[in-house]
Amino acid sequence: MRARVAAGVRLSGALVRMPCEEIVEMLAVAGLDFVLVDCEHGPDDVGMLRTHVAHADAHGLPVLVRPGEGEHRLAQRALDQGARGIVAPHVEDAEEAAALVRALRYPPHGTRGFATYPRAGRFGSVTADEHRAAAGDVLVLAMLESPGAVARAGEIVAVDGIDGYLVGVADLGASRTATDPPVAELLAAVRADPAVRGAVRADLAVSAEAAAASFAGGAQLVVHNLTAVMMTAFRGLAAATA
């Protein structure tokens, strides 16, 4: 997946918070490019996450994982289970971005414990060199979720090993104060910032129309908020019987 992103391919995925492997399979059958499993606001533990990854792998669907804030050990275990990328929440500055990258890389470039026998190493059936090369193909996105993080976006994405960014609009709105610009202005500012040019931009979307607008506006990855999409559909079904 990281190679496709590096080649400039636009990709659509879905954010899944519910521990349901059939949903992951349905997304693959429908033709989406990836799934982002939310362990920050969803109930997935490593066991359930492994089930999601296994079902996605059966369909060739790459899995990205959003751990909780600073949960580097969970991110490492997600990679051991075969996740192809990490979307890290609440990355505030270059120092935190560098710490994230170190946690996700093997020595000598990082501190991740090395083993070929987890699922990502096909249970020990690949060589150490093959496993190390595959681990270097992990996509890493930093979530910017405060006015300060947005202001420091350029230094965050400049950290070697950070592929791009995703603005967490909900947290951005919750963290801004009365003296900060409105969310729309903060979004416009980071997207126009020349310091982030060349970094991968990922957007959250709640509809196909919103996704199309994101792609037209410069996003390379769009993540559909599946909960919002499903609730909109369910409310439409309920309204039909009213």
C-alpha atoms as a PDB file:
ATOM      1  CA  MET A   1       0.000   0.000   0.000  1.00  0.00           C
ATOM      2  CA  ARG A   2       2.835   2.393   0.797  1.00  0.00           C
ATOM      3  CA  ALA A   3       4.262   1.842  -2.685  1.00  0.00           C
ATOM      4  CA  ARG A   4       0.908   2.721  -4.253  1.00  0.00           C
ATOM      5  CA  VAL A   5       0.724   5.859  -2.144  1.00  0.00           C
ATOM      6  CA  ALA A   6       4.279   6.808  -3.120  1.00  0.00           C
ATOM      7  CA  ALA A   7       3.277   6.385  -6.768  1.00  0.00           C
ATOM      8  CA  GLY A   8       0.508   8.953  -6.299  1.00  0.00           C
ATOM      9  CA  VAL A   9      -2.438   6.558  -6.509  1.00  0.00           C
ATOM     10  CA  ARG A  10      -5.628   7.880  -4.886  1.00  0.00           C
ATOM     11  CA  LEU A  11      -7.126   5.393  -2.440  1.00  0.00           C
ATOM     12  CA  SER A  12     -10.471   5.083  -0.652  1.00  0.00           C
ATOM     13  CA  GLY A  13     -10.883   3.248   2.612  1.00  0.00           C
ATOM     14  CA  ALA A  14     -13.203   3.026   5.595  1.00  0.00           C
ATOM     15  CA  LEU A  15     -12.827   3.626   9.320  1.00  0.00           C
ATOM     16  CA  VAL A  16     -14.180   0.638  11.261  1.00  0.00           C
ATOM     17  CA  ARG A  17     -14.858   0.940  14.988  1.00  0.00           C
ATOM     18  CA  MET A  18     -17.064  -2.126  15.480  1.00  0.00           C
ATOM     19  CA  PRO A  19     -15.414  -5.529  16.021  1.00  0.00           C
ATOM     20  CA  CYS A  20     -17.113  -7.282  13.082  1.00  0.00           C
ATOM     21  CA  GLU A  21     -15.068  -9.212  10.550  1.00  0.00           C
ATOM     22  CA  GLU A  22     -17.990  -9.440   8.108  1.00  0.00           C
ATOM     23  CA  ILE A  23     -17.918  -5.645   7.725  1.00  0.00           C
ATOM     24  CA  VAL A  24     -14.233  -5.829   6.839  1.00  0.00           C
ATOM     25  CA  GLU A  25     -14.982  -8.511   4.247  1.00  0.00           C
ATOM     26  CA  MET A  26     -17.886  -6.501   2.818  1.00  0.00           C
ATOM     27  CA  LEU A  27     -15.624  -3.492   2.345  1.00  0.00           C
ATOM     28  CA  ALA A  28     -13.170  -5.669   0.437  1.00  0.00           C
ATOM     29  CA  VAL A  29     -15.885  -7.214  -1.744  1.00  0.00           C
ATOM     30  CA  ALA A  30     -17.270  -3.732  -2.438  1.00  0.00           C
ATOM     31  CA  GLY A  31     -13.898  -2.715  -3.829  1.00  0.00           C
ATOM     32  CA  LEU A  32     -12.433  -0.342  -1.252  1.00  0.00           C
ATOM     33  CA  ASP A  33      -8.656  -0.021  -1.146  1.00  0.00           C
ATOM     34  CA  PHE A  34      -7.993  -0.367   2.580  1.00  0.00           C
ATOM     35  CA  VAL A  35      -9.595  -0.474   6.009  1.00  0.00           C
ATOM     36  CA  LEU A  36      -8.589   1.604   9.041  1.00  0.00           C
ATOM     37  CA  VAL A  37      -9.372  -0.218  12.279  1.00  0.00           C
ATOM     38  CA  ASP A  38      -9.973   2.250  15.096  1.00  0.00           C
ATOM     39  CA  CYS A  39      -8.510   1.085  18.403  1.00  0.00           C
ATOM     40  CA  GLU A  40      -8.611   4.596  19.867  1.00  0.00           C
ATOM     41  CA  HIS A  41     -12.384   4.965  19.979  1.00  0.00           C
ATOM     42  CA  GLY A  42     -13.361   1.362  19.240  1.00  0.00           C
ATOM     43  CA  PRO A  43     -13.239  -1.725  21.485  1.00  0.00           C
ATOM     44  CA  ASP A  44     -10.713  -3.771  19.505  1.00  0.00           C
ATOM     45  CA  ASP A  45      -7.954  -5.454  21.455  1.00  0.00           C
ATOM     46  CA  VAL A  46      -5.056  -7.281  19.789  1.00  0.00           C
ATOM     47  CA  GLY A  47      -7.019 -10.525  19.554  1.00  0.00           C
ATOM     48  CA  MET A  48      -9.933  -8.966  17.717  1.00  0.00           C
ATOM     49  CA  LEU A  49      -7.581  -6.883  15.628  1.00  0.00           C
ATOM     50  CA  ARG A  50      -5.809 -10.029  14.499  1.00  0.00           C
ATOM     51  CA  THR A  51      -9.161 -11.434  13.331  1.00  0.00           C
ATOM     52  CA  HIS A  52      -9.836  -8.283  11.327  1.00  0.00           C
ATOM     53  CA  VAL A  53      -6.416  -8.462   9.700  1.00  0.00           C
ATOM     54  CA  ALA A  54      -6.793 -12.154   8.860  1.00  0.00           C
ATOM     55  CA  HIS A  55     -10.154 -11.633   7.147  1.00  0.00           C
ATOM     56  CA  ALA A  56      -8.866  -8.591   5.288  1.00  0.00           C
ATOM     57  CA  ASP A  57      -5.776 -10.495   4.138  1.00  0.00           C
ATOM     58  CA  ALA A  58      -7.961 -13.217   2.672  1.00  0.00           C
ATOM     59  CA  HIS A  59      -9.287 -10.572   0.264  1.00  0.00           C
ATOM     60  CA  GLY A  60      -6.002  -8.725  -0.272  1.00  0.00           C
ATOM     61  CA  LEU A  61      -7.266  -5.697   1.647  1.00  0.00           C
ATOM     62  CA  PRO A  62      -4.533  -3.762   3.503  1.00  0.00           C
ATOM     63  CA  VAL A  63      -5.271  -2.873   7.125  1.00  0.00           C
ATOM     64  CA  LEU A  64      -4.214   0.352   8.808  1.00  0.00           C
ATOM     65  CA  VAL A  65      -4.594   0.707  12.575  1.00  0.00           C
ATOM     66  CA  ARG A  66      -5.266   3.744  14.730  1.00  0.00           C
ATOM     67  CA  PRO A  67      -3.993   3.020  18.255  1.00  0.00           C
ATOM     68  CA  GLY A  68      -4.711   5.250  21.200  1.00  0.00           C
ATOM     69  CA  GLU A  69      -2.611   8.323  21.951  1.00  0.00           C
ATOM     70  CA  GLY A  70       0.977   7.296  22.626  1.00  0.00           C
ATOM     71  CA  GLU A  71       0.130   3.580  22.478  1.00  0.00           C
ATOM     72  CA  HIS A  72       3.314   2.614  20.686  1.00  0.00           C
ATOM     73  CA  ARG A  73       3.298  -0.905  22.072  1.00  0.00           C
ATOM     74  CA  LEU A  74      -0.157  -1.518  20.631  1.00  0.00           C
ATOM     75  CA  ALA A  75       1.068  -0.147  17.304  1.00  0.00           C
ATOM     76  CA  GLN A  76       4.031  -2.546  17.391  1.00  0.00           C
ATOM     77  CA  ARG A  77       1.756  -5.501  18.120  1.00  0.00           C
ATOM     78  CA  ALA A  78      -0.590  -4.427  15.325  1.00  0.00           C
ATOM     79  CA  LEU A  79       2.329  -4.497  12.898  1.00  0.00           C
ATOM     80  CA  ASP A  80       3.333  -7.948  14.182  1.00  0.00           C
ATOM     81  CA  GLN A  81      -0.192  -9.131  13.339  1.00  0.00           C
ATOM     82  CA  GLY A  82       0.152  -7.900   9.762  1.00  0.00           C
ATOM     83  CA  ALA A  83      -1.144  -4.321   9.735  1.00  0.00           C
ATOM     84  CA  ARG A  84       0.287  -2.352   6.823  1.00  0.00           C
ATOM     85  CA  GLY A  85       0.202   1.065   8.406  1.00  0.00           C
ATOM     86  CA  ILE A  86      -0.343   3.160  11.513  1.00  0.00           C
ATOM     87  CA  VAL A  87      -2.478   6.298  11.809  1.00  0.00           C
ATOM     88  CA  ALA A  88      -1.282   7.862  15.054  1.00  0.00           C
ATOM     89  CA  PRO A  89      -3.596  10.269  16.914  1.00  0.00           C
ATOM     90  CA  HIS A  90      -2.591  13.491  18.686  1.00  0.00           C
ATOM     91  CA  VAL A  91       0.888  13.964  17.262  1.00  0.00           C
ATOM     92  CA  GLU A  92       1.748  17.437  18.539  1.00  0.00           C
ATOM     93  CA  ASP A  93       5.266  18.141  17.323  1.00  0.00           C
ATOM     94  CA  ALA A  94       8.350  16.791  15.590  1.00  0.00           C
ATOM     95  CA  GLU A  95       9.658  15.219  18.811  1.00  0.00           C
ATOM     96  CA  GLU A  96       6.523  13.107  19.202  1.00  0.00           C
ATOM     97  CA  ALA A  97       6.601  12.239  15.496  1.00  0.00           C
ATOM     98  CA  ALA A  98      10.202  11.063  15.804  1.00  0.00           C
ATOM     99  CA  ALA A  99       9.335   8.951  18.861  1.00  0.00           C
ATOM    100  CA  LEU A 100       6.496   7.349  16.896  1.00  0.00           C
ATOM    101  CA  VAL A 101       8.773   6.469  13.998  1.00  0.00           C
ATOM    102  CA  ARG A 102      11.415   5.009  16.332  1.00  0.00           C
ATOM    103  CA  ALA A 103       8.765   2.790  17.916  1.00  0.00           C
ATOM    104  CA  LEU A 104       7.702   1.440  14.520  1.00  0.00           C
ATOM    105  CA  ARG A 105      11.169   0.778  13.097  1.00  0.00           C
ATOM    106  CA  TYR A 106      13.564  -2.054  13.810  1.00  0.00           C
ATOM    107  CA  PRO A 107      17.097  -1.363  15.068  1.00  0.00           C
ATOM    108  CA  PRO A 108      19.337   0.394  14.263  1.00  0.00           C
ATOM    109  CA  HIS A 109      16.754   2.990  13.185  1.00  0.00           C
ATOM    110  CA  GLY A 110      14.265   2.307  15.968  1.00  0.00           C
ATOM    111  CA  THR A 111      13.382   0.308  19.046  1.00  0.00           C
ATOM    112  CA  ARG A 112      10.745  -2.142  17.799  1.00  0.00           C
ATOM    113  CA  GLY A 113      11.437  -5.671  18.967  1.00  0.00           C
ATOM    114  CA  PHE A 114      12.473  -7.928  16.084  1.00  0.00           C
ATOM    115  CA  ALA A 115      10.854 -11.296  15.413  1.00  0.00           C
ATOM    116  CA  THR A 116       9.885 -13.167  12.263  1.00  0.00           C
ATOM    117  CA  TYR A 117       7.546 -15.644  13.923  1.00  0.00           C
ATOM    118  CA  PRO A 118       4.420 -13.453  14.371  1.00  0.00           C
ATOM    119  CA  ARG A 119       1.814 -13.310  11.640  1.00  0.00           C
ATOM    120  CA  ALA A 120       3.629 -10.512   9.778  1.00  0.00           C
ATOM    121  CA  GLY A 121       6.612 -12.843   9.300  1.00  0.00           C
ATOM    122  CA  ARG A 122       4.381 -15.666   8.094  1.00  0.00           C
ATOM    123  CA  PHE A 123       5.105 -17.466  11.361  1.00  0.00           C
ATOM    124  CA  GLY A 124       8.833 -17.670  10.765  1.00  0.00           C
ATOM    125  CA  SER A 125       8.695 -18.845   7.156  1.00  0.00           C
ATOM    126  CA  VAL A 126      10.408 -15.714   5.755  1.00  0.00           C
ATOM    127  CA  THR A 127      14.031 -14.763   6.223  1.00  0.00           C
ATOM    128  CA  ALA A 128      15.062 -12.002   8.581  1.00  0.00           C
ATOM    129  CA  ASP A 129      16.100  -9.839   5.616  1.00  0.00           C
ATOM    130  CA  GLU A 130      12.764 -10.362   3.863  1.00  0.00           C
ATOM    131  CA  HIS A 131      10.881  -9.505   7.031  1.00  0.00           C
ATOM    132  CA  ARG A 132      12.973  -6.401   7.637  1.00  0.00           C
ATOM    133  CA  ALA A 133      12.346  -5.215   4.060  1.00  0.00           C
ATOM    134  CA  ALA A 134       8.584  -5.740   4.396  1.00  0.00           C
ATOM    135  CA  ALA A 135       8.558  -3.850   7.700  1.00  0.00           C
ATOM    136  CA  GLY A 136      10.084  -0.862   5.947  1.00  0.00           C
ATOM    137  CA  ASP A 137       7.018  -0.649   3.713  1.00  0.00           C
ATOM    138  CA  VAL A 138       4.712   0.430   6.552  1.00  0.00           C
ATOM    139  CA  LEU A 139       2.651   3.589   5.947  1.00  0.00           C
ATOM    140  CA  VAL A 140       2.722   6.097   8.826  1.00  0.00           C
ATOM    141  CA  LEU A 141       0.290   8.999   9.071  1.00  0.00           C
ATOM    142  CA  ALA A 142       0.301  11.573  11.871  1.00  0.00           C
ATOM    143  CA  MET A 143      -3.040  12.926  13.034  1.00  0.00           C
ATOM    144  CA  LEU A 144      -3.091  16.677  13.691  1.00  0.00           C
ATOM    145  CA  GLU A 145      -5.755  17.374  16.292  1.00  0.00           C
ATOM    146  CA  SER A 146      -5.008  20.735  17.864  1.00  0.00           C
ATOM    147  CA  PRO A 147      -4.294  24.272  16.622  1.00  0.00           C
ATOM    148  CA  GLY A 148      -0.695  23.827  17.791  1.00  0.00           C
ATOM    149  CA  ALA A 149      -0.256  20.610  15.804  1.00  0.00           C
ATOM    150  CA  VAL A 150      -1.712  22.293  12.721  1.00  0.00           C
ATOM    151  CA  ALA A 151       0.741  25.175  13.140  1.00  0.00           C
ATOM    152  CA  ARG A 152       3.611  22.678  13.415  1.00  0.00           C
ATOM    153  CA  ALA A 153       2.414  20.472  10.555  1.00  0.00           C
ATOM    154  CA  GLY A 154       5.453  21.218   8.430  1.00  0.00           C
ATOM    155  CA  GLU A 155       7.950  20.089  11.064  1.00  0.00           C
ATOM    156  CA  ILE A 156       5.873  17.002  11.842  1.00  0.00           C
ATOM    157  CA  VAL A 157       5.676  15.720   8.261  1.00  0.00           C
ATOM    158  CA  ALA A 158       9.345  16.582   7.744  1.00  0.00           C
ATOM    159  CA  VAL A 159      10.347  13.829  10.177  1.00  0.00           C
ATOM    160  CA  ASP A 160      11.888  10.922   8.267  1.00  0.00           C
ATOM    161  CA  GLY A 161       9.405   8.051   8.385  1.00  0.00           C
ATOM    162  CA  ILE A 162       6.235  10.181   8.529  1.00  0.00           C
ATOM    163  CA  ASP A 163       4.468   9.745   5.193  1.00  0.00           C
ATOM    164  CA  GLY A 164       1.675  12.235   5.671  1.00  0.00           C
ATOM    165  CA  TYR A 165      -1.062  13.611   7.866  1.00  0.00           C
ATOM    166  CA  LEU A 166      -4.762  13.449   8.639  1.00  0.00           C
ATOM    167  CA  VAL A 167      -6.492  16.329  10.429  1.00  0.00           C
ATOM    168  CA  GLY A 168      -8.807  15.104  13.182  1.00  0.00           C
ATOM    169  CA  VAL A 169     -11.521  17.696  12.730  1.00  0.00           C
ATOM    170  CA  ALA A 170     -13.572  16.709  15.783  1.00  0.00           C
ATOM    171  CA  ASP A 171     -10.636  16.963  18.189  1.00  0.00           C
ATOM    172  CA  LEU A 172      -9.415  20.097  16.459  1.00  0.00           C
ATOM    173  CA  GLY A 173     -12.763  21.742  17.154  1.00  0.00           C
ATOM    174  CA  ALA A 174     -12.805  20.485  20.736  1.00  0.00           C
ATOM    175  CA  SER A 175      -9.284  21.693  21.509  1.00  0.00           C
ATOM    176  CA  ARG A 176      -9.427  25.163  19.965  1.00  0.00           C
ATOM    177  CA  THR A 177     -10.037  28.162  22.217  1.00  0.00           C
ATOM    178  CA  ALA A 178     -11.896  31.399  21.602  1.00  0.00           C
ATOM    179  CA  THR A 179      -8.649  33.008  20.453  1.00  0.00           C
ATOM    180  CA  ASP A 180      -7.944  30.351  17.815  1.00  0.00           C
ATOM    181  CA  PRO A 181      -9.206  30.644  14.234  1.00  0.00           C
ATOM    182  CA  PRO A 182     -12.313  28.638  13.304  1.00  0.00           C
ATOM    183  CA  VAL A 183     -11.814  25.026  12.262  1.00  0.00           C
ATOM    184  CA  ALA A 184     -12.449  25.824   8.602  1.00  0.00           C
ATOM    185  CA  GLU A 185      -9.652  28.406   8.647  1.00  0.00           C
ATOM    186  CA  LEU A 186      -7.271  26.022  10.399  1.00  0.00           C
ATOM    187  CA  LEU A 187      -8.009  23.357   7.799  1.00  0.00           C
ATOM    188  CA  ALA A 188      -7.474  25.774   4.950  1.00  0.00           C
ATOM    189  CA  ALA A 189      -4.212  26.972   6.485  1.00  0.00           C
ATOM    190  CA  VAL A 190      -2.630  23.538   6.837  1.00  0.00           C
ATOM    191  CA  ARG A 191      -3.694  22.483   3.360  1.00  0.00           C
ATOM    192  CA  ALA A 192      -2.174  25.642   1.903  1.00  0.00           C
ATOM    193  CA  ASP A 193       1.004  25.419   3.987  1.00  0.00           C
ATOM    194  CA  PRO A 194       3.963  25.024   1.589  1.00  0.00           C
ATOM    195  CA  ALA A 195       5.814  23.111   4.321  1.00  0.00           C
ATOM    196  CA  VAL A 196       3.430  20.159   3.970  1.00  0.00           C
ATOM    197  CA  ARG A 197       3.558  20.076   0.184  1.00  0.00           C
ATOM    198  CA  GLY A 198       4.697  16.634  -0.885  1.00  0.00           C
ATOM    199  CA  ALA A 199       3.291  14.918   2.216  1.00  0.00           C
ATOM    200  CA  VAL A 200       0.366  12.559   1.808  1.00  0.00           C
ATOM    201  CA  ARG A 201      -2.917  14.185   2.801  1.00  0.00           C
ATOM    202  CA  ALA A 202      -5.665  11.933   4.148  1.00  0.00           C
ATOM    203  CA  ASP A 203      -9.206  13.159   4.825  1.00  0.00           C
ATOM    204  CA  LEU A 204     -12.146  11.723   6.721  1.00  0.00           C
ATOM    205  CA  ALA A 205     -15.444  11.730   4.803  1.00  0.00           C
ATOM    206  CA  VAL A 206     -19.065  11.025   5.706  1.00  0.00           C
ATOM    207  CA  SER A 207     -20.454  10.629   2.180  1.00  0.00           C
ATOM    208  CA  ALA A 208     -19.449   9.882  -1.391  1.00  0.00           C
ATOM    209  CA  GLU A 209     -19.947  13.557  -2.206  1.00  0.00           C
ATOM    210  CA  ALA A 210     -17.601  14.610   0.606  1.00  0.00           C
ATOM    211  CA  ALA A 211     -15.032  12.082  -0.588  1.00  0.00           C
ATOM    212  CA  ALA A 212     -15.175  13.419  -4.140  1.00  0.00           C
ATOM    213  CA  ALA A 213     -14.694  16.958  -2.818  1.00  0.00           C
ATOM    214  CA  SER A 214     -11.654  15.832  -0.789  1.00  0.00           C
ATOM    215  CA  PHE A 215     -10.028  14.220  -3.800  1.00  0.00           C
ATOM    216  CA  ALA A 216     -10.757  17.287  -5.895  1.00  0.00           C
ATOM    217  CA  GLY A 217      -9.207  19.443  -3.169  1.00  0.00           C
ATOM    218  CA  GLY A 218      -5.921  17.563  -3.061  1.00  0.00           C
ATOM    219  CA  ALA A 219      -6.402  14.565  -0.742  1.00  0.00           C
ATOM    220  CA  GLN A 220      -4.721  11.349  -1.812  1.00  0.00           C
ATOM    221  CA  LEU A 221      -6.404   9.118   0.771  1.00  0.00           C
ATOM    222  CA  VAL A 222     -10.030   9.333   1.842  1.00  0.00           C
ATOM    223  CA  VAL A 223     -11.276   7.440   4.882  1.00  0.00           C
ATOM    224  CA  HIS A 224     -15.043   7.006   5.005  1.00  0.00           C
ATOM    225  CA  ASN A 225     -16.440   7.274   8.517  1.00  0.00           C
ATOM    226  CA  LEU A 226     -18.375   4.021   8.365  1.00  0.00           C
ATOM    227  CA  THR A 227     -20.373   4.680  11.530  1.00  0.00           C
ATOM    228  CA  ALA A 228     -21.699   7.954  10.102  1.00  0.00           C
ATOM    229  CA  VAL A 229     -22.410   6.331   6.734  1.00  0.00           C
ATOM    230  CA  MET A 230     -24.305   3.455   8.337  1.00  0.00           C
ATOM    231  CA  MET A 231     -26.293   5.670  10.686  1.00  0.00           C
ATOM    232  CA  THR A 232     -27.344   7.872   7.773  1.00  0.00           C
ATOM    233  CA  ALA A 233     -28.542   4.773   5.936  1.00  0.00           C
ATOM    234  CA  PHE A 234     -30.348   3.422   9.015  1.00  0.00           C
ATOM    235  CA  ARG A 235     -32.098   6.731   9.657  1.00  0.00           C
ATOM    236  CA  GLY A 236     -33.218   6.702   6.042  1.00  0.00           C
ATOM    237  CA  LEU A 237     -34.720   3.267   6.503  1.00  0.00           C
ATOM    238  CA  ALA A 238     -36.512   4.403   9.652  1.00  0.00           C
ATOM    239  CA  ALA A 239     -37.829   7.510   7.913  1.00  0.00           C
ATOM    240  CA  ALA A 240     -39.288   5.410   5.133  1.00  0.00           C
ATOM    241  CA  THR A 241     -41.731   3.821   7.585  1.00  0.00           C
ATOM    242  CA  ALA A 242     -42.634   7.033   9.407  1.00  0.00           C
END
